[in-house]
Amino acid sequence: MDGRKDDIVIIGAGIVGTAVAAILSEGGHKVLVIDRQGICEGTSSGNAGALAFSDILPMASKGVLAKVPRWLRDPLGPFTIQPGYLPKLAPWLYRFWRASRPAAQFHTIEAQGAMMRLAEPEMLGLMERAGIRHMVREDGSLELYESEEELNSALPGWTARKKAGIAFEHLRGDDLAECQPGLARRFVAGTFVPGWKTVSDPLHVGKGLWAYAERLGARYRQAEVVTVTSTAEGVAIGLANGETINTGKLVVAGGAWSHRLAKQLGDAIPLETERGYNTTLPKDAFTLKRQLIFSGHGFVVTPLETGLRIGGAVELGGLDLPPNYARSEAMLTKAKLFMPGLETAGGRQWMGYRPSLPDSLPVIGYARASKNVLYAFGHGHLGLTQAAATGRLISELIDGRTPSIAIEAFHPQRF
């Protein structure tokens, strides 16, 4: 690149970086995306495929803290921390505890609600303009409970969603069986969310958005970024091969690796990595009408055009520890128990890195070192859902326009 002020480099070709590239390209910006793997070839390729516009509750509000002691006794359970990693994780857990306080939760839900109200029209609109709106499935979701006590413990969360205008219906008996035939009798109730959407395959969505951005002039380069430095002219980006790229503006959208670059710019952002696992079975493994959410066990089952994806759970273990695919197998075993007719042969296992902040809100805004650097990362489980909204906000900041929603809650220096 020639380093002109109107050049924009995006580090990260996941779904967030790709959506940012598409929206900036729509605005006439000259965009280069850099990633060491490929367009949406990392974590964005293997997620559960949900456009979770109704998921406004932070992880800290979902009864997680009360369940953690029990979950930690099960190394293959919904939430686990590898013992050797616990000392490093302690500062993040402290912030997570602070985010669980009622006042903090109130502000987080308010900010997340605003983000989701922006996210739905932005994502569906971007997919329409890209010619991939047909990849959206509008079948709703079904969250399942094994006891009335479990349902009752979830009711405060549903009350918060109701206040935010999110429609849902609690189901039992024949209504539950009709919503999803073939469930084990252990499930006594379920909550159907009609507005919940999924996509045909998250990798296909990412590739489709990139094809659109490319038609608008965006370019991609496969390379590893090792340094970022603020300069008088803009930003210098150092690659692993020793090359330097100079640009007027930089957007850091590198997912779980982003905090390492932010640290070079003076921002200590407490990003942790929720390592997520899944198994994708053949399409005919079970007749699934919509995404099923087994919240008490921390995983979902999603019907994709490329197979039946069973995955989720949280393993806090950073970026360097090897995968533990026994977690994928444990979820598959539970899924067979919950859906007795499920055929479990022929699956493909996967592990990805979700970038998670303790308050469940992303980082969107300027770096401490320079207004030529913007951050767009830390979306946790909601990268696909919030990608286009993030692209809209980043484009507004770059163009000097007032953001569509208040972004103080996403401020990079809020920690």
Protein backbone atom coordinates (compact mmCIF):
# COMPACT_ATOMS: atom_id res chain seq x y z
CA MET A 1 0.00 0.00 0.00
CA ASP A 2 1.15 3.56 -0.61
CA GLY A 3 0.41 4.79 2.93
CA ARG A 4 -2.12 7.46 1.95
CA LYS A 5 -4.27 8.75 4.78
CA ASP A 6 -7.41 7.23 3.28
CA ASP A 7 -5.92 3.73 3.21
CA ILE A 8 -7.33 1.41 5.88
CA VAL A 9 -5.75 -1.86 7.01
CA ILE A 10 -7.82 -4.37 8.97
CA ILE A 11 -5.95 -6.98 10.99
CA GLY A 12 -8.16 -10.05 11.17
CA ALA A 13 -10.24 -11.77 8.49
CA GLY A 14 -12.79 -13.35 10.81
CA ILE A 15 -16.45 -12.46 10.53
CA VAL A 16 -15.99 -9.12 12.33
CA GLY A 17 -13.03 -8.01 10.21
CA THR A 18 -14.80 -9.17 7.05
CA ALA A 19 -17.98 -7.24 7.88
CA VAL A 20 -15.95 -4.14 8.74
CA ALA A 21 -14.16 -4.46 5.39
CA ALA A 22 -17.44 -4.76 3.50
CA ILE A 23 -19.04 -1.72 5.14
CA LEU A 24 -15.93 0.44 4.78
CA SER A 25 -15.70 -0.59 1.13
CA GLU A 26 -19.31 0.41 0.64
CA GLY A 27 -18.30 3.86 1.89
CA GLY A 28 -15.62 4.14 -0.78
CA HIS A 29 -12.60 3.39 1.42
CA LYS A 30 -9.57 1.56 0.10
CA VAL A 31 -9.25 -1.50 2.36
CA LEU A 32 -6.60 -4.18 2.86
CA VAL A 33 -7.35 -7.12 5.20
CA ILE A 34 -4.44 -9.08 6.70
CA ASP A 35 -4.79 -12.48 8.37
CA ARG A 36 -2.44 -15.41 8.85
CA GLN A 37 -5.07 -18.08 8.09
CA GLY A 38 -7.60 -16.96 5.49
CA ILE A 39 -11.05 -15.41 5.18
CA CYS A 40 -13.14 -16.71 8.11
CA GLU A 41 -10.97 -19.84 8.30
CA GLY A 42 -10.44 -19.63 12.06
CA THR A 43 -12.97 -19.34 14.86
CA SER A 44 -15.56 -17.82 12.52
CA SER A 45 -15.73 -21.04 10.51
CA GLY A 46 -16.85 -23.31 13.32
CA ASN A 47 -19.30 -21.36 15.44
CA ALA A 48 -22.86 -22.47 16.15
CA GLY A 49 -24.30 -20.33 13.37
CA ALA A 50 -26.69 -18.27 15.51
CA LEU A 51 -27.78 -14.71 14.81
CA ALA A 52 -28.57 -14.33 18.48
CA PHE A 53 -30.20 -10.90 18.45
CA SER A 54 -32.17 -11.70 21.61
CA ASP A 55 -29.10 -12.76 23.62
CA ILE A 56 -28.68 -9.58 25.67
CA LEU A 57 -27.69 -11.16 29.01
CA PRO A 58 -24.01 -11.08 29.99
CA MET A 59 -22.38 -14.38 30.87
CA ALA A 60 -22.03 -13.17 34.47
CA SER A 61 -25.84 -12.85 34.76
CA LYS A 62 -26.70 -16.40 33.77
CA GLY A 63 -26.10 -17.96 37.16
CA VAL A 64 -22.58 -18.88 36.13
CA LEU A 65 -20.87 -17.88 39.38
CA ALA A 66 -23.17 -20.09 41.47
CA LYS A 67 -22.58 -23.04 39.15
CA VAL A 68 -18.81 -22.68 38.77
CA PRO A 69 -17.80 -24.75 41.86
CA ARG A 70 -19.91 -27.70 40.65
CA TRP A 71 -18.77 -27.33 37.05
CA LEU A 72 -15.09 -27.14 37.99
CA ARG A 73 -15.36 -30.56 39.58
CA ASP A 74 -16.19 -31.91 36.11
CA PRO A 75 -13.24 -31.38 33.71
CA LEU A 76 -15.55 -32.13 30.76
CA GLY A 77 -18.45 -30.00 32.01
CA PRO A 78 -19.94 -26.76 30.63
CA PHE A 79 -17.38 -24.46 32.26
CA THR A 80 -13.86 -25.49 33.09
CA ILE A 81 -10.51 -23.93 33.91
CA GLN A 82 -7.34 -25.92 33.48
CA PRO A 83 -5.74 -25.88 36.96
CA GLY A 84 -2.36 -24.69 35.76
CA TYR A 85 -3.97 -21.71 34.07
CA LEU A 86 -5.90 -20.50 37.13
CA PRO A 87 -3.23 -18.10 38.53
CA LYS A 88 -2.99 -16.31 35.18
CA LEU A 89 -6.77 -16.15 34.97
CA ALA A 90 -7.33 -14.68 38.46
CA PRO A 91 -7.46 -10.96 37.40
CA TRP A 92 -10.03 -11.77 34.69
CA LEU A 93 -12.14 -13.76 37.15
CA TYR A 94 -12.09 -10.83 39.58
CA ARG A 95 -13.40 -8.51 36.87
CA PHE A 96 -15.97 -11.15 35.93
CA TRP A 97 -17.15 -11.21 39.55
CA ARG A 98 -17.45 -7.41 39.54
CA ALA A 99 -19.47 -7.59 36.32
CA SER A 100 -21.94 -9.93 38.07
CA ARG A 101 -23.12 -7.21 40.47
CA PRO A 102 -26.70 -6.04 39.81
CA ALA A 103 -25.76 -2.45 38.94
CA ALA A 104 -23.07 -3.60 36.51
CA GLN A 105 -25.43 -6.11 34.93
CA PHE A 106 -28.09 -3.45 34.43
CA HIS A 107 -25.71 -1.24 32.44
CA THR A 108 -24.36 -4.19 30.46
CA ILE A 109 -27.84 -5.38 29.48
CA GLU A 110 -28.77 -1.83 28.48
CA ALA A 111 -25.69 -1.53 26.25
CA GLN A 112 -26.10 -5.03 24.82
CA GLY A 113 -29.75 -4.36 24.07
CA ALA A 114 -28.85 -1.24 22.10
CA MET A 115 -26.16 -3.15 20.23
CA MET A 116 -28.60 -5.92 19.32
CA ARG A 117 -31.23 -3.45 18.10
CA LEU A 118 -28.57 -2.13 15.73
CA ALA A 119 -27.16 -5.56 14.92
CA GLU A 120 -30.29 -7.10 13.42
CA PRO A 121 -31.03 -4.57 10.67
CA GLU A 122 -27.33 -4.08 9.96
CA MET A 123 -26.55 -7.78 9.54
CA LEU A 124 -29.66 -8.64 7.57
CA GLY A 125 -29.19 -5.53 5.44
CA LEU A 126 -25.54 -6.32 4.73
CA MET A 127 -26.39 -9.90 3.80
CA GLU A 128 -29.13 -8.60 1.48
CA ARG A 129 -26.72 -6.22 -0.26
CA ALA A 130 -24.15 -9.01 -0.53
CA GLY A 131 -26.72 -11.31 -2.15
CA ILE A 132 -26.65 -13.91 0.63
CA ARG A 133 -29.83 -13.11 2.54
CA HIS A 134 -31.09 -16.59 1.59
CA MET A 135 -28.50 -18.04 3.98
CA VAL A 136 -30.60 -16.93 6.99
CA ARG A 137 -32.94 -19.44 8.64
CA GLU A 138 -35.82 -17.95 10.64
CA ASP A 139 -36.97 -21.01 12.60
CA GLY A 140 -36.48 -19.63 16.11
CA SER A 141 -34.73 -21.44 18.95
CA LEU A 142 -35.81 -23.75 21.76
CA GLU A 143 -34.11 -23.60 25.17
CA LEU A 144 -34.73 -26.74 27.22
CA TYR A 145 -35.13 -27.44 30.96
CA GLU A 146 -34.96 -30.70 32.87
CA SER A 147 -37.03 -29.46 35.84
CA GLU A 148 -39.42 -26.73 36.88
CA GLU A 149 -36.70 -25.53 39.23
CA GLU A 150 -34.33 -25.03 36.31
CA LEU A 151 -36.99 -23.07 34.42
CA ASN A 152 -37.76 -20.95 37.47
CA SER A 153 -34.10 -20.04 37.88
CA ALA A 154 -34.09 -18.79 34.28
CA LEU A 155 -37.20 -16.61 34.68
CA PRO A 156 -35.38 -13.41 35.78
CA GLY A 157 -33.43 -13.52 32.53
CA TRP A 158 -36.61 -13.93 30.53
CA THR A 159 -38.12 -10.99 32.42
CA ALA A 160 -35.15 -8.85 31.36
CA ARG A 161 -35.64 -9.93 27.75
CA LYS A 162 -39.36 -9.14 27.94
CA LYS A 163 -38.54 -5.61 29.10
CA ALA A 164 -36.28 -5.32 26.05
CA GLY A 165 -39.18 -6.25 23.76
CA ILE A 166 -38.02 -9.79 22.97
CA ALA A 167 -40.84 -12.25 22.28
CA PHE A 168 -40.81 -15.79 23.71
CA GLU A 169 -43.15 -18.54 24.87
CA HIS A 170 -42.72 -21.21 27.54
CA LEU A 171 -43.82 -24.64 26.29
CA ARG A 172 -44.75 -27.93 27.96
CA GLY A 173 -46.28 -31.26 27.03
CA ASP A 174 -47.63 -31.63 23.49
CA ASP A 175 -46.58 -28.09 22.55
CA LEU A 176 -42.99 -28.89 23.47
CA ALA A 177 -43.06 -32.19 21.57
CA GLU A 178 -44.47 -30.48 18.50
CA CYS A 179 -41.84 -27.75 18.61
CA GLN A 180 -39.14 -30.46 18.51
CA PRO A 181 -40.10 -34.12 18.17
CA GLY A 182 -37.78 -36.82 19.43
CA LEU A 183 -36.58 -35.24 22.67
CA ALA A 184 -35.94 -37.35 25.76
CA ARG A 185 -38.73 -37.31 28.35
CA ARG A 186 -36.38 -35.74 30.90
CA PHE A 187 -37.19 -32.30 29.45
CA VAL A 188 -40.28 -30.93 31.19
CA ALA A 189 -40.34 -27.47 29.62
CA GLY A 190 -38.79 -25.30 26.96
CA THR A 191 -38.72 -21.66 25.89
CA PHE A 192 -39.34 -20.92 22.23
CA VAL A 193 -37.89 -17.66 20.85
CA PRO A 194 -39.48 -17.03 17.44
CA GLY A 195 -37.16 -14.17 16.49
CA TRP A 196 -33.97 -16.21 16.90
CA LYS A 197 -32.21 -16.83 13.60
CA THR A 198 -29.43 -19.11 12.38
CA VAL A 199 -27.43 -19.27 9.17
CA SER A 200 -26.99 -22.10 6.71
CA ASP A 201 -23.27 -22.27 7.52
CA PRO A 202 -21.14 -19.56 9.19
CA LEU A 203 -18.16 -20.20 6.91
CA HIS A 204 -20.34 -19.70 3.83
CA VAL A 205 -21.68 -16.44 5.26
CA GLY A 206 -18.16 -15.16 5.87
CA LYS A 207 -17.02 -16.12 2.37
CA GLY A 208 -20.13 -14.51 0.89
CA LEU A 209 -19.54 -11.23 2.70
CA TRP A 210 -15.91 -11.23 1.60
CA ALA A 211 -16.87 -11.84 -2.04
CA TYR A 212 -19.06 -8.74 -1.77
CA ALA A 213 -16.28 -6.67 -0.15
CA GLU A 214 -13.87 -7.84 -2.85
CA ARG A 215 -16.29 -6.76 -5.59
CA LEU A 216 -16.22 -3.33 -3.97
CA GLY A 217 -12.42 -3.22 -4.10
CA ALA A 218 -11.26 -4.71 -0.79
CA ARG A 219 -8.07 -6.74 -0.93
CA TYR A 220 -6.72 -9.59 1.19
CA ARG A 221 -3.19 -10.59 2.09
CA GLN A 222 -2.19 -13.69 4.02
CA ALA A 223 0.50 -12.71 6.51
CA GLU A 224 1.25 -12.67 10.22
CA VAL A 225 1.33 -9.30 11.96
CA VAL A 226 3.84 -9.08 14.81
CA THR A 227 4.06 -5.35 15.58
CA VAL A 228 1.92 -2.23 15.31
CA THR A 229 3.38 1.22 15.93
CA SER A 230 1.80 4.65 15.87
CA THR A 231 3.71 7.06 13.62
CA ALA A 232 3.42 10.73 12.69
CA GLU A 233 1.89 9.69 9.35
CA GLY A 234 -0.43 6.95 10.63
CA VAL A 235 0.46 3.39 11.63
CA ALA A 236 3.38 1.08 10.81
CA ILE A 237 2.52 -2.63 10.70
CA GLY A 238 5.39 -5.08 11.03
CA LEU A 239 4.98 -8.53 9.45
CA ALA A 240 6.68 -11.76 10.48
CA ASN A 241 8.68 -11.77 7.22
CA GLY A 242 10.31 -8.45 8.17
CA GLU A 243 8.21 -6.27 5.86
CA THR A 244 6.56 -3.07 7.07
CA ILE A 245 3.21 -1.79 5.80
CA ASN A 246 2.36 1.87 6.39
CA THR A 247 -1.25 2.95 6.51
CA GLY A 248 -3.33 5.94 7.46
CA LYS A 249 -5.85 4.01 9.56
CA LEU A 250 -5.73 0.62 11.26
CA VAL A 251 -8.60 -1.51 12.58
CA VAL A 252 -7.59 -4.30 14.96
CA ALA A 253 -10.16 -7.09 14.58
CA GLY A 254 -7.96 -10.06 15.34
CA GLY A 255 -10.31 -11.85 17.72
CA ALA A 256 -8.61 -13.67 20.58
CA TRP A 257 -5.15 -12.40 19.57
CA SER A 258 -6.12 -8.71 19.49
CA HIS A 259 -5.08 -7.85 23.04
CA ARG A 260 -1.47 -8.70 22.21
CA LEU A 261 -1.43 -5.95 19.57
CA ALA A 262 -3.40 -3.56 21.79
CA LYS A 263 -0.74 -3.93 24.48
CA GLN A 264 1.85 -2.58 22.04
CA LEU A 265 -0.30 0.55 21.73
CA GLY A 266 -0.56 1.09 25.49
CA ASP A 267 -3.91 -0.61 26.11
CA ALA A 268 -4.04 -3.41 28.69
CA ILE A 269 -7.32 -5.08 27.75
CA PRO A 270 -8.35 -8.09 29.88
CA LEU A 271 -9.29 -10.38 27.03
CA GLU A 272 -9.48 -14.10 27.76
CA THR A 273 -10.05 -17.03 25.44
CA GLU A 274 -13.15 -19.16 25.75
CA ARG A 275 -12.08 -22.27 23.91
CA GLY A 276 -15.17 -23.73 22.28
CA TYR A 277 -15.53 -27.27 20.93
CA ASN A 278 -17.97 -28.92 18.55
CA THR A 279 -18.70 -31.96 16.44
CA THR A 280 -20.45 -31.62 13.08
CA LEU A 281 -22.43 -34.74 12.17
CA PRO A 282 -23.96 -35.63 8.79
CA LYS A 283 -27.17 -33.75 7.95
CA ASP A 284 -29.35 -36.84 8.35
CA ALA A 285 -28.10 -37.63 11.88
CA PHE A 286 -31.36 -36.29 13.38
CA THR A 287 -34.40 -34.39 12.14
CA LEU A 288 -33.88 -31.03 13.80
CA LYS A 289 -36.44 -28.26 13.28
CA ARG A 290 -34.47 -25.42 14.86
CA GLN A 291 -31.50 -24.69 17.11
CA LEU A 292 -31.78 -26.40 20.50
CA ILE A 293 -30.15 -24.79 23.54
CA PHE A 294 -29.23 -27.03 26.48
CA SER A 295 -28.28 -24.15 28.79
CA GLY A 296 -27.86 -26.31 31.88
CA HIS A 297 -25.15 -28.23 30.04
CA GLY A 298 -23.62 -25.32 28.13
CA PHE A 299 -24.09 -26.46 24.55
CA VAL A 300 -26.37 -26.12 21.53
CA VAL A 301 -27.35 -28.23 18.53
CA THR A 302 -27.77 -26.41 15.22
CA PRO A 303 -29.09 -27.61 11.86
CA LEU A 304 -26.71 -26.39 9.12
CA GLU A 305 -26.79 -27.13 5.43
CA THR A 306 -23.38 -28.76 5.91
CA GLY A 307 -24.39 -30.95 8.87
CA LEU A 308 -25.69 -31.05 12.40
CA ARG A 309 -23.38 -29.05 14.70
CA ILE A 310 -23.19 -29.96 18.40
CA GLY A 311 -21.02 -27.65 20.40
CA GLY A 312 -20.42 -24.90 22.90
CA ALA A 313 -19.22 -24.99 26.51
CA VAL A 314 -16.49 -22.77 27.94
CA GLU A 315 -12.90 -23.78 28.60
CA LEU A 316 -10.77 -20.93 29.89
CA GLY A 317 -7.29 -21.91 28.86
CA GLY A 318 -5.67 -19.20 26.77
CA LEU A 319 -4.15 -19.54 23.32
CA ASP A 320 -1.25 -21.89 23.89
CA LEU A 321 -2.58 -25.04 25.59
CA PRO A 322 -3.36 -28.01 23.29
CA PRO A 323 -7.01 -28.86 22.51
CA ASN A 324 -8.87 -31.38 24.66
CA TYR A 325 -11.25 -33.06 22.23
CA ALA A 326 -12.68 -35.19 25.01
CA ARG A 327 -14.88 -32.14 25.56
CA SER A 328 -16.39 -32.56 22.08
CA GLU A 329 -17.00 -36.23 22.81
CA ALA A 330 -18.67 -35.43 26.15
CA MET A 331 -21.15 -33.07 24.46
CA LEU A 332 -21.85 -35.64 21.77
CA THR A 333 -22.58 -38.27 24.42
CA LYS A 334 -25.01 -35.92 26.17
CA ALA A 335 -26.68 -35.02 22.88
CA LYS A 336 -27.34 -38.71 22.24
CA LEU A 337 -28.90 -38.97 25.70
CA PHE A 338 -31.08 -35.91 25.10
CA MET A 339 -32.06 -36.89 21.54
CA PRO A 340 -32.24 -40.70 21.62
CA GLY A 341 -32.62 -41.04 17.85
CA LEU A 342 -29.39 -39.16 17.12
CA GLU A 343 -26.85 -41.01 14.94
CA THR A 344 -23.41 -40.08 16.26
CA ALA A 345 -21.15 -41.65 13.62
CA GLY A 346 -19.18 -39.74 11.01
CA GLY A 347 -18.60 -36.48 12.89
CA ARG A 348 -15.88 -33.85 12.43
CA GLN A 349 -14.36 -32.36 15.60
CA TRP A 350 -13.27 -28.73 15.93
CA MET A 351 -11.96 -26.24 18.48
CA GLY A 352 -11.92 -22.44 18.25
CA TYR A 353 -10.97 -19.41 20.33
CA ARG A 354 -13.73 -17.02 21.40
CA PRO A 355 -12.39 -13.59 22.48
CA SER A 356 -14.11 -12.85 25.79
CA LEU A 357 -14.17 -9.74 27.97
CA PRO A 358 -15.31 -10.07 31.62
CA ASP A 359 -18.39 -7.87 31.09
CA SER A 360 -19.44 -9.69 27.87
CA LEU A 361 -19.22 -6.46 25.84
CA PRO A 362 -16.85 -5.97 22.90
CA VAL A 363 -14.14 -3.35 22.60
CA ILE A 364 -15.06 -0.75 19.97
CA GLY A 365 -13.23 2.56 19.82
CA TYR A 366 -9.87 4.30 19.57
CA ALA A 367 -6.53 3.08 20.85
CA ARG A 368 -4.90 5.07 23.64
CA ALA A 369 -1.86 5.82 21.46
CA SER A 370 -3.60 7.20 18.39
CA LYS A 371 -6.95 7.96 16.82
CA ASN A 372 -5.56 6.36 13.69
CA VAL A 373 -6.03 2.96 15.38
CA LEU A 374 -9.46 1.54 16.16
CA TYR A 375 -10.35 -1.67 17.99
CA ALA A 376 -13.15 -4.03 17.00
CA PHE A 377 -12.83 -7.23 19.01
CA GLY A 378 -13.91 -9.14 22.12
CA HIS A 379 -17.40 -10.21 21.02
CA GLY A 380 -17.28 -13.56 22.81
CA HIS A 381 -20.09 -15.79 21.53
CA LEU A 382 -21.63 -12.96 19.49
CA GLY A 383 -19.14 -12.20 16.72
CA LEU A 384 -21.40 -13.38 13.90
CA THR A 385 -24.40 -11.64 15.46
CA GLN A 386 -22.71 -8.27 16.00
CA ALA A 387 -20.26 -8.17 13.09
CA ALA A 388 -22.18 -5.79 10.84
CA ALA A 389 -23.18 -3.50 13.72
CA THR A 390 -19.51 -3.27 14.63
CA GLY A 391 -18.69 -2.48 11.01
CA ARG A 392 -21.26 0.31 11.01
CA LEU A 393 -19.86 1.85 14.21
CA ILE A 394 -16.26 1.63 12.99
CA SER A 395 -17.19 3.24 9.67
CA GLU A 396 -18.95 6.08 11.50
CA LEU A 397 -15.92 6.72 13.69
CA ILE A 398 -13.57 6.70 10.71
CA ASP A 399 -15.81 9.05 8.74
CA GLY A 400 -16.21 11.42 11.70
CA ARG A 401 -19.95 10.81 12.04
CA THR A 402 -21.93 10.38 15.24
CA PRO A 403 -22.21 6.64 16.04
CA SER A 404 -25.64 5.07 15.58
CA ILE A 405 -25.71 4.12 19.28
CA ALA A 406 -23.87 5.31 22.38
CA ILE A 407 -20.54 3.49 22.50
CA GLU A 408 -19.20 4.52 25.91
CA ALA A 409 -19.91 1.04 27.28
CA PHE A 410 -17.58 -0.43 24.63
CA HIS A 411 -14.73 2.02 25.33
CA PRO A 412 -11.33 0.27 25.09
CA GLN A 413 -10.04 2.03 28.20
CA ARG A 414 -13.07 1.17 30.40
CA PHE A 415 -11.05 -1.40 32.35
